[in-house]
């Protein structure tokens, strides 16, 4: 099963999206956007940038967990991962974004 983007509104009324892998696992989440069109543009930016390894910022949290940000060409963060127990888990998450995002459909839950 292919991955999908879920476009939704949060409790504050902002638009957000998350990328889910084919197995339903969340692999990338966005910031909040005031306009739906901005969130939709964010999805397109993820699709465009997902395949480029240089766009991934690999990080370690203060708690020793591993995570990543996907950045646009202008350096702005367009998606953030969950925390992973290991660097290899984080790297697997990056590979999942690379394989799922480019062709993922959008499910509008707004």
N, C-alpha and C. Protein backbone atom coordinates (compact mmCIF):
# COMPACT_ATOMS: atom_id res chain seq x y z
N UNK A 1 0.84 -1.19 0.00
CA UNK A 1 0.00 0.00 0.00
C UNK A 1 0.89 1.25 0.00
N UNK A 2 0.52 2.21 -0.80
CA UNK A 2 1.30 3.44 -0.92
C UNK A 2 1.04 4.37 0.27
N UNK A 3 1.99 5.28 0.48
CA UNK A 3 1.83 6.27 1.54
C UNK A 3 0.80 7.31 1.15
N UNK A 4 0.43 8.13 2.15
CA UNK A 4 -0.53 9.20 1.90
C UNK A 4 -0.25 10.37 2.82
N UNK A 5 -0.64 11.55 2.36
CA UNK A 5 -0.64 12.74 3.19
C UNK A 5 -2.04 12.91 3.74
N UNK A 6 -2.13 13.19 5.03
CA UNK A 6 -3.40 13.55 5.63
C UNK A 6 -3.35 15.05 5.92
N UNK A 7 -4.30 15.79 5.38
CA UNK A 7 -4.42 17.22 5.59
C UNK A 7 -5.56 17.41 6.60
N UNK A 8 -5.29 18.10 7.72
CA UNK A 8 -6.29 18.20 8.78
C UNK A 8 -6.16 19.54 9.50
N UNK A 9 -7.14 19.84 10.34
CA UNK A 9 -7.05 21.03 11.19
C UNK A 9 -6.81 20.57 12.62
N UNK A 10 -5.94 21.31 13.32
CA UNK A 10 -5.64 20.97 14.71
C UNK A 10 -6.62 21.68 15.64
N UNK A 11 -6.44 21.48 16.95
CA UNK A 11 -7.35 22.06 17.93
C UNK A 11 -7.34 23.58 17.94
N UNK A 12 -6.25 24.18 17.45
CA UNK A 12 -6.15 25.64 17.39
C UNK A 12 -6.73 26.20 16.08
N UNK A 13 -7.23 25.31 15.22
CA UNK A 13 -7.81 25.75 13.96
C UNK A 13 -6.79 25.95 12.85
N UNK A 14 -5.56 25.52 13.08
CA UNK A 14 -4.54 25.63 12.04
C UNK A 14 -4.53 24.37 11.17
N UNK A 15 -4.08 24.55 9.94
CA UNK A 15 -3.97 23.43 8.99
C UNK A 15 -2.61 22.77 9.15
N UNK A 16 -2.64 21.46 9.15
CA UNK A 16 -1.41 20.67 9.26
C UNK A 16 -1.51 19.48 8.32
N UNK A 17 -0.36 18.87 8.07
CA UNK A 17 -0.38 17.61 7.33
C UNK A 17 0.59 16.65 7.97
N UNK A 18 0.34 15.38 7.73
CA UNK A 18 1.26 14.33 8.15
C UNK A 18 1.38 13.35 7.00
N UNK A 19 2.57 12.81 6.85
CA UNK A 19 2.81 11.77 5.86
C UNK A 19 2.79 10.44 6.58
N UNK A 20 1.97 9.54 6.06
CA UNK A 20 1.88 8.20 6.63
C UNK A 20 2.41 7.19 5.63
N UNK A 21 3.16 6.24 6.12
CA UNK A 21 3.66 5.14 5.29
C UNK A 21 2.50 4.21 4.94
N UNK A 22 2.74 3.30 4.03
CA UNK A 22 1.72 2.36 3.62
C UNK A 22 1.15 1.53 4.76
N UNK A 23 1.94 1.34 5.82
CA UNK A 23 1.48 0.56 6.97
C UNK A 23 0.72 1.42 7.98
N UNK A 24 0.52 2.72 7.66
CA UNK A 24 -0.23 3.61 8.54
C UNK A 24 0.61 4.36 9.55
N UNK A 25 1.91 4.10 9.60
CA UNK A 25 2.78 4.76 10.56
C UNK A 25 3.06 6.20 10.13
N UNK A 26 2.97 7.13 11.10
CA UNK A 26 3.33 8.53 10.82
C UNK A 26 4.83 8.63 10.64
N UNK A 27 5.28 9.24 9.53
CA UNK A 27 6.71 9.35 9.29
C UNK A 27 7.18 10.79 9.15
N UNK A 28 6.24 11.74 9.01
CA UNK A 28 6.62 13.15 8.90
C UNK A 28 5.41 14.00 9.25
N UNK A 29 5.64 15.08 10.00
CA UNK A 29 4.55 15.98 10.39
C UNK A 29 4.96 17.42 10.11
N UNK A 30 3.96 18.24 9.79
CA UNK A 30 4.23 19.64 9.46
C UNK A 30 4.01 20.54 10.67
N UNK A 31 4.37 21.79 10.48
CA UNK A 31 4.01 22.84 11.42
C UNK A 31 2.57 23.23 11.13
N UNK A 32 2.02 24.14 11.93
CA UNK A 32 0.68 24.65 11.69
C UNK A 32 0.69 25.80 10.69
N UNK A 33 -0.31 25.84 9.83
CA UNK A 33 -0.45 26.89 8.84
C UNK A 33 -1.80 27.59 9.03
N UNK A 34 -1.84 28.90 8.85
CA UNK A 34 -3.09 29.66 8.97
C UNK A 34 -4.01 29.41 7.77
N UNK A 35 -3.43 29.21 6.60
CA UNK A 35 -4.19 29.03 5.37
C UNK A 35 -4.07 27.60 4.87
N UNK A 36 -5.17 27.05 4.40
CA UNK A 36 -5.16 25.70 3.84
C UNK A 36 -4.22 25.63 2.64
N UNK A 37 -4.22 26.67 1.81
CA UNK A 37 -3.37 26.66 0.62
C UNK A 37 -1.89 26.59 1.00
N UNK A 38 -1.52 27.18 2.13
CA UNK A 38 -0.13 27.11 2.59
C UNK A 38 0.25 25.68 2.98
N UNK A 39 -0.67 24.98 3.63
CA UNK A 39 -0.42 23.57 3.98
C UNK A 39 -0.31 22.73 2.71
N UNK A 40 -1.16 23.01 1.72
CA UNK A 40 -1.10 22.28 0.45
C UNK A 40 0.23 22.55 -0.26
N UNK A 41 0.70 23.78 -0.19
CA UNK A 41 2.02 24.10 -0.76
C UNK A 41 3.12 23.35 -0.02
N UNK A 42 2.97 23.20 1.30
CA UNK A 42 3.93 22.43 2.08
C UNK A 42 4.00 20.98 1.64
N UNK A 43 2.85 20.40 1.34
CA UNK A 43 2.81 19.02 0.85
C UNK A 43 3.57 18.92 -0.47
N UNK A 44 3.33 19.85 -1.37
CA UNK A 44 4.02 19.84 -2.66
C UNK A 44 5.53 19.99 -2.47
N UNK A 45 5.92 20.80 -1.50
CA UNK A 45 7.35 20.99 -1.22
C UNK A 45 7.98 19.70 -0.69
N UNK A 46 7.25 18.98 0.16
CA UNK A 46 7.74 17.68 0.65
C UNK A 46 7.93 16.73 -0.52
N UNK A 47 6.92 16.65 -1.39
CA UNK A 47 7.02 15.76 -2.55
C UNK A 47 8.24 16.10 -3.40
N UNK A 48 8.48 17.38 -3.59
CA UNK A 48 9.57 17.84 -4.45
C UNK A 48 10.94 17.59 -3.83
N UNK A 49 11.06 17.77 -2.51
CA UNK A 49 12.35 17.71 -1.84
C UNK A 49 12.68 16.35 -1.22
N UNK A 50 11.71 15.46 -1.13
CA UNK A 50 11.88 14.20 -0.40
C UNK A 50 13.01 13.33 -0.93
N UNK A 51 13.24 13.34 -2.24
CA UNK A 51 14.23 12.42 -2.80
C UNK A 51 15.67 12.91 -2.65
N UNK A 52 15.87 14.16 -2.23
CA UNK A 52 17.22 14.72 -2.13
C UNK A 52 17.78 14.57 -0.72
N UNK A 53 18.78 13.71 -0.58
CA UNK A 53 19.35 13.41 0.74
C UNK A 53 19.87 14.65 1.45
N UNK A 54 20.38 15.61 0.71
CA UNK A 54 20.95 16.82 1.31
C UNK A 54 19.89 17.66 2.00
N UNK A 55 18.62 17.42 1.74
CA UNK A 55 17.54 18.20 2.35
C UNK A 55 17.20 17.71 3.76
N UNK A 56 17.79 16.61 4.19
CA UNK A 56 17.49 16.06 5.51
C UNK A 56 18.51 16.51 6.54
N UNK A 57 18.01 17.11 7.61
CA UNK A 57 18.84 17.51 8.74
C UNK A 57 18.69 16.42 9.81
N UNK A 58 19.75 15.67 10.02
CA UNK A 58 19.73 14.60 11.02
C UNK A 58 20.15 15.18 12.36
N UNK A 59 19.35 14.91 13.40
CA UNK A 59 19.59 15.52 14.70
C UNK A 59 19.48 14.49 15.82
N UNK A 60 20.07 14.86 16.94
CA UNK A 60 19.91 14.07 18.16
C UNK A 60 19.28 14.98 19.20
N UNK A 61 18.24 14.48 19.88
CA UNK A 61 17.56 15.28 20.90
C UNK A 61 18.38 15.31 22.18
N UNK A 62 18.01 16.21 23.09
CA UNK A 62 18.72 16.30 24.37
C UNK A 62 18.53 15.02 25.19
N UNK A 63 17.50 14.25 24.89
CA UNK A 63 17.26 12.98 25.58
C UNK A 63 18.00 11.82 24.93
N UNK A 64 18.81 12.11 23.90
CA UNK A 64 19.58 11.06 23.25
C UNK A 64 18.84 10.30 22.16
N UNK A 65 17.65 10.76 21.79
CA UNK A 65 16.89 10.15 20.70
C UNK A 65 17.34 10.76 19.38
N UNK A 66 16.92 10.15 18.30
CA UNK A 66 17.32 10.60 16.97
C UNK A 66 16.07 11.02 16.19
N UNK A 67 16.20 12.10 15.41
CA UNK A 67 15.10 12.59 14.60
C UNK A 67 15.66 13.32 13.40
N UNK A 68 14.77 13.76 12.51
CA UNK A 68 15.22 14.53 11.34
C UNK A 68 14.19 15.58 10.96
N UNK A 69 14.68 16.60 10.29
CA UNK A 69 13.85 17.61 9.65
C UNK A 69 14.08 17.52 8.15
N UNK A 70 13.02 17.70 7.39
CA UNK A 70 13.13 17.85 5.94
C UNK A 70 13.03 19.33 5.65
N UNK A 71 14.01 19.86 4.91
CA UNK A 71 14.05 21.28 4.63
C UNK A 71 13.86 21.56 3.15
N UNK A 72 13.25 22.71 2.86
CA UNK A 72 13.09 23.17 1.48
C UNK A 72 14.41 23.76 1.01
N UNK A 73 14.46 24.13 -0.26
CA UNK A 73 15.69 24.70 -0.83
C UNK A 73 16.09 25.99 -0.13
N UNK A 74 15.13 26.71 0.46
CA UNK A 74 15.45 27.96 1.16
C UNK A 74 15.87 27.72 2.62
N UNK A 75 15.95 26.46 3.04
CA UNK A 75 16.38 26.12 4.39
C UNK A 75 15.26 26.04 5.41
N UNK A 76 14.04 26.36 5.00
CA UNK A 76 12.90 26.30 5.93
C UNK A 76 12.49 24.86 6.17
N UNK A 77 12.22 24.52 7.44
CA UNK A 77 11.76 23.18 7.78
C UNK A 77 10.34 23.00 7.26
N UNK A 78 10.12 21.92 6.51
CA UNK A 78 8.78 21.64 5.98
C UNK A 78 8.17 20.38 6.58
N UNK A 79 8.95 19.64 7.32
CA UNK A 79 8.43 18.45 8.00
C UNK A 79 9.41 17.95 9.04
N UNK A 80 8.87 17.38 10.11
CA UNK A 80 9.67 16.87 11.21
C UNK A 80 9.26 15.44 11.51
N UNK A 81 10.24 14.61 11.82
CA UNK A 81 9.96 13.21 12.13
C UNK A 81 9.59 13.03 13.60
N UNK A 82 9.22 11.83 13.92
CA UNK A 82 9.09 11.40 15.30
C UNK A 82 10.49 11.19 15.87
N UNK A 83 10.59 10.84 17.13
CA UNK A 83 11.88 10.48 17.72
C UNK A 83 12.11 8.99 17.57
N UNK A 84 13.34 8.63 17.27
CA UNK A 84 13.74 7.22 17.10
C UNK A 84 14.77 6.87 18.16
N UNK A 85 14.77 5.62 18.59
CA UNK A 85 15.72 5.18 19.61
C UNK A 85 17.14 5.11 19.08
N UNK A 86 17.29 4.90 17.77
CA UNK A 86 18.63 4.74 17.20
C UNK A 86 18.79 5.56 15.93
N UNK A 87 20.05 5.81 15.57
CA UNK A 87 20.34 6.51 14.31
C UNK A 87 19.88 5.67 13.12
N UNK A 88 19.99 4.35 13.22
CA UNK A 88 19.56 3.51 12.11
C UNK A 88 18.04 3.55 11.94
N UNK A 89 17.30 3.67 13.03
CA UNK A 89 15.86 3.83 12.95
C UNK A 89 15.49 5.14 12.27
N UNK A 90 16.20 6.20 12.64
CA UNK A 90 15.98 7.51 12.02
C UNK A 90 16.28 7.43 10.52
N UNK A 91 17.38 6.80 10.17
CA UNK A 91 17.75 6.68 8.75
C UNK A 91 16.72 5.87 7.98
N UNK A 92 16.12 4.88 8.64
CA UNK A 92 15.03 4.13 8.01
C UNK A 92 13.81 5.01 7.78
N UNK A 93 13.55 5.92 8.72
CA UNK A 93 12.46 6.88 8.55
C UNK A 93 12.69 7.78 7.36
N UNK A 94 13.92 8.23 7.18
CA UNK A 94 14.26 9.07 6.03
C UNK A 94 14.02 8.31 4.74
N UNK A 95 14.46 7.06 4.69
CA UNK A 95 14.25 6.24 3.50
C UNK A 95 12.76 6.04 3.22
N UNK A 96 11.98 5.93 4.28
CA UNK A 96 10.53 5.78 4.11
C UNK A 96 9.91 7.04 3.52
N UNK A 97 10.36 8.22 3.97
CA UNK A 97 9.87 9.47 3.38
C UNK A 97 10.26 9.53 1.90
N UNK A 98 11.51 9.19 1.61
CA UNK A 98 11.98 9.22 0.22
C UNK A 98 11.12 8.33 -0.68
N UNK A 99 10.73 7.16 -0.20
CA UNK A 99 9.99 6.23 -1.04
C UNK A 99 8.48 6.52 -1.05
N UNK A 100 7.94 7.08 0.02
CA UNK A 100 6.49 7.29 0.10
C UNK A 100 6.02 8.65 -0.40
N UNK A 101 6.78 9.72 -0.13
CA UNK A 101 6.28 11.07 -0.38
C UNK A 101 6.04 11.43 -1.85
N UNK A 102 6.95 11.12 -2.76
CA UNK A 102 6.78 11.64 -4.12
C UNK A 102 5.46 11.28 -4.79
N UNK A 103 4.93 10.11 -4.55
CA UNK A 103 3.70 9.68 -5.22
C UNK A 103 2.51 9.54 -4.26
N UNK A 104 2.66 10.03 -3.04
CA UNK A 104 1.60 9.88 -2.05
C UNK A 104 0.38 10.70 -2.43
N UNK A 105 -0.78 10.12 -2.24
CA UNK A 105 -2.03 10.86 -2.48
C UNK A 105 -2.33 11.73 -1.27
N UNK A 106 -3.23 12.68 -1.44
CA UNK A 106 -3.61 13.57 -0.35
C UNK A 106 -5.03 13.23 0.08
N UNK A 107 -5.20 12.96 1.36
CA UNK A 107 -6.52 12.73 1.94
C UNK A 107 -6.89 13.97 2.73
N UNK A 108 -7.90 14.68 2.28
CA UNK A 108 -8.31 15.94 2.91
C UNK A 108 -9.31 15.64 4.02
N UNK A 109 -8.89 15.85 5.27
CA UNK A 109 -9.74 15.58 6.42
C UNK A 109 -10.32 16.87 7.01
N UNK A 110 -10.15 17.99 6.31
CA UNK A 110 -10.62 19.27 6.85
C UNK A 110 -12.12 19.42 6.69
